Amino acid sequence: MTRSEALDKLSSIGQEHVLKYFDELDEGGQQALLTQIEETDFSVLSHIKEAGSGSGRGEFSPLAAMQRDEIIRREKEFHDAGCDVIKAGKTAALLLAGGMGTRLGSDNPKGMYDIGLTKPVYIFQRIVENLLDVVRETDTWIRLFVMTSEKNHQATVDFFEEKDYFGYRRDRVVFFKQDMAPACDYNGKLYMEAKDRISTSPNGNAGWYSSMVRAGLDKILTDEGIEWIDVFAVDNVLQRICDPCFVGATALAGVSVGAKVVKKAAPDEAVGVMCLEDGRPSIVEYYELSKEMMEAKDANGDPAYNFGVILNYLFHAPELAAVTEDAMPLHVVEKKIPYIDDAANLVKPDKPNGYKFEQLVLDMIHQLDSCLPYEVIREHEFAPIKNPTGKDSVESARELCKADGIEL
């Protein structure tokens, strides 16, 4: 893209200020900015009018989970079926690893954070070790996709190289970057985070599939006959990945997606809950649960909305092609966005100052026909790390790991 072409694209949307410092940049900076302008989809900016307008959700109804008693009763059946799927090479894992460790006081990718007490134990290491358990059990090297972001891609790749992939076969690991979306102020004016760079952020946790396709990685799914993709977040250091019982239960149920869930600690716990929305699978956020929904009971007298998601989903790959970006709503989210001011000084705001644009996995699930919520034991599979101390923290994750016999 030339400067003239970039100016034409920006002028059509009233964003000419993006080129304000263009003549001050060296050749590398100019080219980087032109490339970003060429590759960025600015159409998301037209959605700022939807900010604060609500999600326009449909009618919620309960979706029953497969609970532990049934899972234990059918454990061998599920385990054997899952092992068959895995050994046939039909299962892949996809790690959502685009986040940074900022809230933990680190400038590195979140997965590089060391939770060890007597020796280094990195979040990435815990994830890989969990997957290696299944590799050893099934004698099958599962394809591992790692989705990074523009901000942490090279550091993540270098870290895996430095640590020799924590014992995983490097030829079975593929890194790719998540697509980014521009960020703007409340009037829709694009923020610049540097003279040669528009402020951007990852396009939401549903962006993994479209980012895979744009990176050409859907060809791997086809060529290798992969039918199931276990998608999971980097911050849960206890989660089991592609475990045979979950794979087997989901495959035997004939559903479009399986979702690991845990029994809620309280009716108002701040977790999303699997449900039906207008008869299709979905997730109702904790703040959307009405008093009536929190008090609703199932046929056994238990809470009807009783199982929270932990962001571990097993998607049936052949059905994903029907899940298009255009069919999913775009969420306009108020955020704190670093930017350069009129004097080109970097400003890090202490309160929200604009909008980011995201597509969420709940909307992706809602495009599919069926879902199996699959109960796991919180203490054994849910140790999220979001804060340095307190709830869902490095401290709490360490205690859960130690209770599970993991040496730190």
Protein backbone atom coordinates (compact mmCIF):
# COMPACT_ATOMS: atom_id res chain seq x y z
CA MET A 1 0.00 0.00 0.00
CA THR A 2 1.26 3.48 -0.87
CA ARG A 3 0.84 6.60 1.23
CA SER A 4 -1.72 7.90 -1.26
CA GLU A 5 -3.75 4.68 -1.07
CA ALA A 6 -3.60 4.75 2.72
CA LEU A 7 -4.80 8.34 2.77
CA ASP A 8 -7.72 7.45 0.49
CA LYS A 9 -8.75 4.59 2.80
CA LEU A 10 -8.48 6.77 5.91
CA SER A 11 -10.21 9.77 4.32
CA SER A 12 -13.22 7.65 3.47
CA ILE A 13 -13.80 7.11 7.20
CA GLY A 14 -12.58 10.49 8.50
CA GLN A 15 -9.38 9.15 10.11
CA GLU A 16 -6.67 11.12 8.30
CA HIS A 17 -4.92 11.91 11.61
CA VAL A 18 -3.43 8.41 11.54
CA LEU A 19 -0.83 9.77 9.09
CA LYS A 20 -0.02 12.87 11.17
CA TYR A 21 3.56 11.79 11.90
CA PHE A 22 4.15 9.82 8.70
CA ASP A 23 6.85 12.16 7.33
CA GLU A 24 8.78 11.94 10.61
CA LEU A 25 9.06 8.16 10.46
CA ASP A 26 11.98 6.23 9.03
CA GLU A 27 11.35 3.88 6.13
CA GLY A 28 10.67 0.91 8.43
CA GLY A 29 8.16 2.86 10.50
CA GLN A 30 6.38 4.14 7.41
CA GLN A 31 6.08 0.67 5.96
CA ALA A 32 4.84 -0.78 9.25
CA LEU A 33 2.09 1.82 9.48
CA LEU A 34 1.06 1.39 5.84
CA THR A 35 0.86 -2.37 6.32
CA GLN A 36 -1.28 -1.96 9.43
CA ILE A 37 -3.63 0.42 7.61
CA GLU A 38 -3.92 -2.01 4.70
CA GLU A 39 -4.65 -5.02 6.92
CA THR A 40 -7.02 -3.38 9.41
CA ASP A 41 -10.78 -3.73 9.07
CA PHE A 42 -12.09 -0.32 10.07
CA SER A 43 -15.73 -1.26 9.53
CA VAL A 44 -16.00 -2.11 13.24
CA LEU A 45 -15.99 1.63 14.00
CA SER A 46 -19.52 1.89 12.64
CA HIS A 47 -20.69 -0.15 15.64
CA ILE A 48 -19.90 2.43 18.34
CA LYS A 49 -23.52 3.56 18.24
CA GLU A 50 -24.36 0.17 19.75
CA ALA A 51 -22.29 0.80 22.88
CA GLY A 52 -24.45 0.62 25.99
CA SER A 53 -27.47 -0.52 24.01
CA GLY A 54 -27.53 -3.98 25.56
CA SER A 55 -26.91 -7.33 23.99
CA GLY A 56 -30.43 -7.93 22.71
CA ARG A 57 -30.49 -11.38 24.25
CA GLY A 58 -33.27 -13.86 23.60
CA GLU A 59 -35.34 -16.00 25.96
CA PHE A 60 -33.25 -18.10 28.36
CA SER A 61 -34.10 -21.60 29.52
CA PRO A 62 -32.04 -24.23 31.40
CA LEU A 63 -29.68 -26.63 29.65
CA ALA A 64 -29.06 -29.77 31.70
CA ALA A 65 -25.44 -30.75 32.32
CA MET A 66 -24.01 -34.24 32.28
CA GLN A 67 -23.17 -34.55 35.96
CA ARG A 68 -20.47 -36.45 37.81
CA ASP A 69 -22.62 -39.43 38.79
CA GLU A 70 -23.41 -40.25 35.15
CA ILE A 71 -19.83 -39.58 34.07
CA ILE A 72 -18.49 -41.94 36.74
CA ARG A 73 -21.07 -44.59 35.85
CA ARG A 74 -20.11 -44.46 32.16
CA GLU A 75 -16.43 -43.66 32.66
CA LYS A 76 -15.02 -46.70 30.83
CA GLU A 77 -17.38 -46.20 27.90
CA PHE A 78 -16.42 -42.54 27.57
CA HIS A 79 -12.73 -43.17 28.16
CA ASP A 80 -12.47 -45.92 25.55
CA ALA A 81 -14.41 -43.89 22.97
CA GLY A 82 -12.25 -40.84 23.62
CA CYS A 83 -9.03 -42.81 23.34
CA ASP A 84 -10.21 -44.17 19.99
CA VAL A 85 -10.85 -40.64 18.70
CA ILE A 86 -7.50 -39.36 19.95
CA LYS A 87 -5.49 -42.34 18.66
CA ALA A 88 -7.09 -41.86 15.26
CA GLY A 89 -5.54 -38.36 15.18
CA LYS A 90 -8.93 -36.66 15.17
CA THR A 91 -8.32 -34.35 18.15
CA ALA A 92 -6.37 -31.11 18.44
CA ALA A 93 -5.77 -28.63 21.25
CA LEU A 94 -5.87 -24.86 20.86
CA LEU A 95 -4.38 -22.61 23.52
CA LEU A 96 -5.64 -19.01 23.74
CA ALA A 97 -2.38 -17.34 24.78
CA GLY A 98 -2.63 -13.76 23.55
CA GLY A 99 -2.72 -12.13 26.97
CA MET A 100 0.01 -10.30 28.84
CA GLY A 101 0.89 -10.64 32.52
CA THR A 102 0.18 -6.99 33.27
CA ARG A 103 -2.25 -7.65 36.14
CA LEU A 104 0.35 -9.95 37.67
CA GLY A 105 3.00 -7.24 37.53
CA SER A 106 4.79 -8.69 34.51
CA ASP A 107 5.54 -7.22 31.10
CA ASN A 108 5.85 -10.71 29.58
CA PRO A 109 3.19 -12.95 28.03
CA LYS A 110 0.95 -14.29 30.78
CA GLY A 111 1.99 -17.86 30.08
CA MET A 112 5.59 -17.02 30.98
CA TYR A 113 4.64 -16.20 34.56
CA ASP A 114 6.45 -18.36 37.12
CA ILE A 115 4.14 -19.81 39.81
CA GLY A 116 6.86 -22.02 41.29
CA LEU A 117 7.83 -21.90 44.96
CA THR A 118 10.94 -24.09 45.14
CA LYS A 119 11.71 -24.22 41.40
CA PRO A 120 10.54 -22.49 38.22
CA VAL A 121 7.06 -23.65 37.16
CA TYR A 122 5.64 -21.55 34.35
CA ILE A 123 1.99 -21.29 33.36
CA PHE A 124 2.87 -22.50 29.85
CA GLN A 125 4.72 -25.42 31.43
CA ARG A 126 1.67 -26.48 33.46
CA ILE A 127 -0.50 -26.38 30.33
CA VAL A 128 1.92 -28.50 28.31
CA GLU A 129 2.43 -30.97 31.17
CA ASN A 130 -1.34 -31.44 31.41
CA LEU A 131 -1.54 -32.21 27.70
CA LEU A 132 1.48 -34.52 27.94
CA ASP A 133 -0.50 -36.66 30.40
CA VAL A 134 -2.90 -37.52 27.58
CA VAL A 135 -0.09 -37.95 25.05
CA ARG A 136 1.47 -40.60 27.31
CA GLU A 137 -1.86 -42.25 28.08
CA THR A 138 -2.84 -42.60 24.43
CA ASP A 139 0.64 -42.82 22.91
CA THR A 140 -0.47 -40.12 20.47
CA TRP A 141 1.07 -36.70 19.86
CA ILE A 142 -1.90 -34.34 19.70
CA ARG A 143 -1.61 -31.32 17.41
CA LEU A 144 -1.25 -28.17 19.56
CA PHE A 145 -2.15 -24.76 18.16
CA VAL A 146 -1.03 -21.73 20.17
CA MET A 147 -2.81 -18.47 19.39
CA THR A 148 -0.72 -15.44 20.34
CA SER A 149 -1.25 -11.72 19.79
CA GLU A 150 0.77 -9.09 17.98
CA LYS A 151 2.06 -7.91 21.35
CA ASN A 152 3.38 -11.24 22.60
CA HIS A 153 3.93 -13.49 19.58
CA GLN A 154 7.71 -13.42 19.28
CA ALA A 155 8.27 -13.54 23.03
CA THR A 156 6.00 -16.61 23.25
CA VAL A 157 7.72 -18.44 20.41
CA ASP A 158 11.16 -17.60 21.80
CA PHE A 159 10.15 -18.83 25.27
CA PHE A 160 8.92 -22.17 23.95
CA GLU A 161 12.18 -22.54 22.03
CA GLU A 162 14.24 -21.61 25.08
CA LYS A 163 12.43 -24.20 27.22
CA ASP A 164 12.58 -26.87 24.51
CA TYR A 165 8.77 -26.84 24.31
CA PHE A 166 8.61 -28.27 27.85
CA GLY A 167 9.12 -31.74 26.41
CA TYR A 168 6.46 -31.48 23.69
CA ARG A 169 7.32 -32.44 20.13
CA ARG A 170 7.97 -29.12 18.42
CA ASP A 171 6.82 -30.39 15.03
CA ARG A 172 3.34 -30.87 16.56
CA VAL A 173 3.10 -27.23 17.70
CA VAL A 174 1.89 -24.37 15.49
CA PHE A 175 1.89 -20.72 16.55
CA PHE A 176 -0.35 -18.13 14.93
CA LYS A 177 -1.42 -14.58 15.70
CA GLN A 178 -4.95 -13.55 16.58
CA ASP A 179 -6.50 -10.90 14.38
CA MET A 180 -6.58 -7.44 15.91
CA ALA A 181 -9.31 -4.79 15.97
CA PRO A 182 -8.70 -1.02 16.16
CA ALA A 183 -9.54 0.94 19.31
CA CYS A 184 -11.13 4.37 19.37
CA ASP A 185 -12.34 7.17 21.63
CA TYR A 186 -16.01 7.71 22.47
CA ASN A 187 -16.53 9.64 19.23
CA GLY A 188 -15.06 6.93 17.02
CA LYS A 189 -11.67 8.60 16.48
CA LEU A 190 -8.89 6.04 16.23
CA TYR A 191 -6.30 6.13 18.97
CA MET A 192 -2.61 5.95 18.09
CA GLU A 193 -0.37 4.07 20.51
CA ALA A 194 2.77 5.34 18.76
CA LYS A 195 3.58 7.59 15.82
CA ASP A 196 3.76 4.53 13.60
CA ARG A 197 1.01 2.41 15.10
CA ILE A 198 -2.77 2.49 15.53
CA SER A 199 -4.01 1.28 18.93
CA THR A 200 -5.42 -2.22 18.57
CA SER A 201 -6.56 -5.13 20.73
CA PRO A 202 -7.36 -8.80 20.06
CA ASN A 203 -10.77 -9.29 18.45
CA GLY A 204 -12.27 -11.36 21.29
CA ASN A 205 -12.13 -14.99 22.40
CA ALA A 206 -14.29 -16.06 19.45
CA GLY A 207 -11.61 -14.77 17.08
CA TRP A 208 -9.61 -17.98 17.24
CA TYR A 209 -11.34 -19.71 14.34
CA SER A 210 -11.39 -16.78 11.90
CA SER A 211 -7.74 -16.10 12.81
CA MET A 212 -6.89 -19.74 12.10
CA VAL A 213 -8.59 -19.59 8.74
CA ARG A 214 -6.84 -16.34 7.77
CA ALA A 215 -3.54 -17.95 8.75
CA GLY A 216 -4.35 -20.88 6.45
CA LEU A 217 -4.35 -23.38 9.31
CA ASP A 218 -7.77 -24.83 8.50
CA LYS A 219 -5.84 -26.78 5.85
CA ILE A 220 -4.10 -28.67 8.68
CA LEU A 221 -7.48 -29.64 10.09
CA THR A 222 -8.56 -30.99 6.72
CA ASP A 223 -5.27 -32.64 5.78
CA GLU A 224 -4.87 -34.37 9.16
CA GLY A 225 -8.53 -35.34 9.52
CA ILE A 226 -8.97 -33.39 12.76
CA GLU A 227 -12.61 -33.49 13.86
CA TRP A 228 -12.46 -32.10 17.41
CA ILE A 229 -10.67 -28.99 18.71
CA ASP A 230 -10.31 -28.44 22.45
CA VAL A 231 -10.14 -24.66 22.90
CA PHE A 232 -8.96 -23.40 26.29
CA ALA A 233 -7.54 -20.32 28.04
CA VAL A 234 -3.99 -19.94 29.24
CA ASP A 235 -4.75 -18.88 32.80
CA ASN A 236 -6.25 -22.13 34.18
CA VAL A 237 -3.24 -24.17 35.30
CA LEU A 238 -5.22 -27.26 36.41
CA GLN A 239 -7.44 -27.87 33.43
CA ARG A 240 -7.30 -31.20 31.68
CA ILE A 241 -6.91 -30.85 27.92
CA CYS A 242 -8.27 -33.37 25.41
CA ASP A 243 -8.86 -35.79 28.25
CA PRO A 244 -10.37 -38.99 26.86
CA CYS A 245 -13.54 -39.02 28.98
CA PHE A 246 -14.53 -35.52 27.86
CA VAL A 247 -13.71 -36.29 24.23
CA GLY A 248 -15.59 -39.57 24.36
CA ALA A 249 -18.68 -38.18 26.09
CA THR A 250 -18.92 -35.30 23.62
CA ALA A 251 -18.39 -37.49 20.57
CA LEU A 252 -20.91 -40.11 21.71
CA ALA A 253 -23.49 -37.40 22.47
CA GLY A 254 -23.37 -36.34 18.82
CA VAL A 255 -23.31 -32.63 19.72
CA SER A 256 -21.68 -29.66 18.02
CA VAL A 257 -19.66 -28.63 21.07
CA GLY A 258 -18.83 -29.87 24.56
CA ALA A 259 -18.30 -27.39 27.41
CA LYS A 260 -16.54 -28.16 30.67
CA VAL A 261 -18.49 -26.72 33.60
CA VAL A 262 -18.17 -26.67 37.38
CA LYS A 263 -20.91 -26.58 39.97
CA LYS A 264 -21.39 -22.99 41.09
CA ALA A 265 -20.12 -22.12 44.55
CA ALA A 266 -23.16 -19.86 45.09
CA PRO A 267 -26.24 -18.89 43.05
CA ASP A 268 -24.75 -15.44 42.38
CA GLU A 269 -21.17 -16.54 41.69
CA ALA A 270 -19.63 -14.35 38.98
CA VAL A 271 -19.37 -17.00 36.25
CA GLY A 272 -21.22 -17.50 32.99
CA VAL A 273 -23.70 -20.38 32.91
CA MET A 274 -24.50 -22.77 30.07
CA CYS A 275 -28.14 -22.42 29.00
CA LEU A 276 -30.46 -22.37 26.02
CA GLU A 277 -31.25 -19.05 24.39
CA ASP A 278 -34.23 -19.18 22.06
CA GLY A 279 -33.76 -22.94 22.04
CA ARG A 280 -30.10 -22.90 21.00
CA PRO A 281 -27.05 -23.42 23.23
CA SER A 282 -25.64 -20.27 24.76
CA ILE A 283 -24.09 -18.76 27.88
CA VAL A 284 -25.91 -16.41 30.21
CA GLU A 285 -23.54 -14.08 32.05
CA TYR A 286 -23.84 -13.89 35.82
CA TYR A 287 -25.10 -10.30 35.70
CA GLU A 288 -27.88 -11.36 33.31
CA LEU A 289 -29.30 -13.94 35.73
CA SER A 290 -32.58 -12.69 37.14
CA LYS A 291 -33.72 -13.49 40.66
CA GLU A 292 -36.24 -15.92 39.18
CA MET A 293 -33.51 -17.71 37.22
CA MET A 294 -31.26 -17.97 40.28
CA GLU A 295 -34.15 -19.48 42.25
CA ALA A 296 -35.35 -21.83 39.48
CA LYS A 297 -35.07 -25.58 40.19
CA ASP A 298 -34.67 -28.61 37.95
CA ALA A 299 -36.61 -31.88 38.24
CA ASN A 300 -34.33 -33.02 41.08
CA GLY A 301 -34.85 -29.86 43.08
CA ASP A 302 -31.36 -28.53 42.32
CA PRO A 303 -30.72 -25.04 40.90
CA ALA A 304 -31.58 -25.04 37.21
CA TYR A 305 -28.73 -22.65 36.33
CA ASN A 306 -26.11 -24.37 38.43
CA PHE A 307 -23.05 -24.94 36.25
CA GLY A 308 -20.50 -22.28 35.36
CA VAL A 309 -18.23 -22.41 32.32
CA ILE A 310 -14.44 -22.48 32.69
CA LEU A 311 -13.53 -21.62 29.06
CA ASN A 312 -12.69 -25.12 27.92
CA TYR A 313 -14.73 -26.11 24.87
CA LEU A 314 -14.52 -29.06 22.50
CA PHE A 315 -15.74 -27.93 19.07
CA HIS A 316 -16.76 -30.28 16.26
CA ALA A 317 -14.50 -28.94 13.52
CA PRO A 318 -16.66 -29.84 10.47
CA GLU A 319 -19.43 -27.57 11.76
CA LEU A 320 -17.23 -24.51 12.31
CA ALA A 321 -17.27 -23.43 8.67
CA ALA A 322 -20.92 -22.46 9.16
CA VAL A 323 -19.99 -20.15 12.04
CA THR A 324 -19.16 -16.90 10.27
CA GLU A 325 -17.98 -13.59 11.66
CA ASP A 326 -20.88 -11.81 9.97
CA ALA A 327 -23.40 -13.98 11.81
CA MET A 328 -22.04 -13.10 15.24
CA PRO A 329 -22.71 -9.83 17.06
CA LEU A 330 -19.85 -7.44 17.66
CA HIS A 331 -19.49 -6.37 21.30
CA VAL A 332 -18.49 -2.74 21.86
CA VAL A 333 -16.60 -2.78 25.15
CA GLU A 334 -15.58 0.24 27.22
CA LYS A 335 -11.88 -0.07 28.13
CA LYS A 336 -8.75 1.78 29.25
CA ILE A 337 -6.76 2.36 26.06
CA PRO A 338 -3.16 3.66 26.09
CA TYR A 339 -2.58 6.35 23.45
CA ILE A 340 -0.30 9.20 22.42
CA ASP A 341 -1.57 12.72 23.01
CA ASP A 342 -1.21 15.74 20.71
CA ALA A 343 2.43 16.07 21.78
CA ALA A 344 3.04 12.38 21.00
CA ASN A 345 3.48 11.54 24.68
CA LEU A 346 2.23 8.10 25.72
CA VAL A 347 -0.74 8.28 28.10
CA LYS A 348 -1.87 5.28 30.18
CA PRO A 349 -5.35 6.19 31.42
CA ASP A 350 -6.52 5.15 34.89
CA LYS A 351 -10.17 4.89 33.80
CA PRO A 352 -11.98 3.84 30.61
CA ASN A 353 -11.48 6.27 27.75
CA GLY A 354 -12.91 4.54 24.70
CA TYR A 355 -14.03 1.36 22.98
CA LYS A 356 -12.60 -1.95 21.89
CA PHE A 357 -14.45 -4.36 19.62
CA GLU A 358 -14.78 -8.07 20.37
CA GLN A 359 -16.61 -11.20 19.28
CA LEU A 360 -17.25 -13.65 22.10
CA VAL A 361 -17.23 -17.42 22.27
CA LEU A 362 -20.75 -17.43 23.72
CA ASP A 363 -22.00 -16.07 20.40
CA MET A 364 -19.97 -18.69 18.54
CA ILE A 365 -21.60 -21.46 20.58
CA HIS A 366 -25.00 -19.91 19.93
CA GLN A 367 -24.47 -20.40 16.18
CA LEU A 368 -24.21 -24.16 16.72
CA ASP A 369 -27.06 -26.61 17.07
CA SER A 370 -26.27 -28.49 20.27
CA CYS A 371 -24.00 -28.50 23.30
CA LEU A 372 -23.06 -30.92 26.08
CA PRO A 373 -22.22 -29.21 29.39
CA TYR A 374 -19.85 -31.69 31.05
CA GLU A 375 -19.28 -31.38 34.80
CA VAL A 376 -15.74 -31.49 36.17
CA ILE A 377 -14.58 -31.16 39.77
CA ARG A 378 -13.67 -27.57 40.53
CA GLU A 379 -10.76 -28.45 42.85
CA HIS A 380 -9.17 -30.67 40.20
CA GLU A 381 -9.71 -28.66 37.02
CA PHE A 382 -10.30 -24.99 37.81
CA ALA A 383 -7.40 -22.89 39.08
CA PRO A 384 -7.63 -19.59 37.17
CA ILE A 385 -4.91 -16.99 37.59
CA LYS A 386 -6.25 -13.48 37.12
CA ASN A 387 -4.78 -11.61 40.10
CA PRO A 388 -1.56 -11.67 42.13
CA THR A 389 -3.36 -12.38 45.41
CA GLY A 390 -6.83 -13.21 46.71
CA LYS A 391 -9.58 -14.82 44.63
CA ASP A 392 -8.57 -16.47 41.34
CA SER A 393 -4.95 -15.58 41.95
CA VAL A 394 -1.42 -16.89 41.83
CA GLU A 395 -1.82 -17.69 45.54
CA SER A 396 -5.06 -19.64 45.16
CA ALA A 397 -3.76 -21.52 42.10
CA ARG A 398 -0.64 -22.55 43.99
CA GLU A 399 -2.72 -23.97 46.82
CA LEU A 400 -4.94 -25.90 44.40
CA CYS A 401 -1.90 -27.26 42.54
CA LYS A 402 -0.29 -28.41 45.78
CA ALA A 403 -3.53 -30.08 46.89
CA ASP A 404 -3.55 -31.91 43.56
CA GLY A 405 -0.04 -33.25 44.17
CA ILE A 406 1.75 -30.94 41.74
CA GLU A 407 5.23 -30.05 42.90
CA LEU A 408 5.93 -26.35 42.91
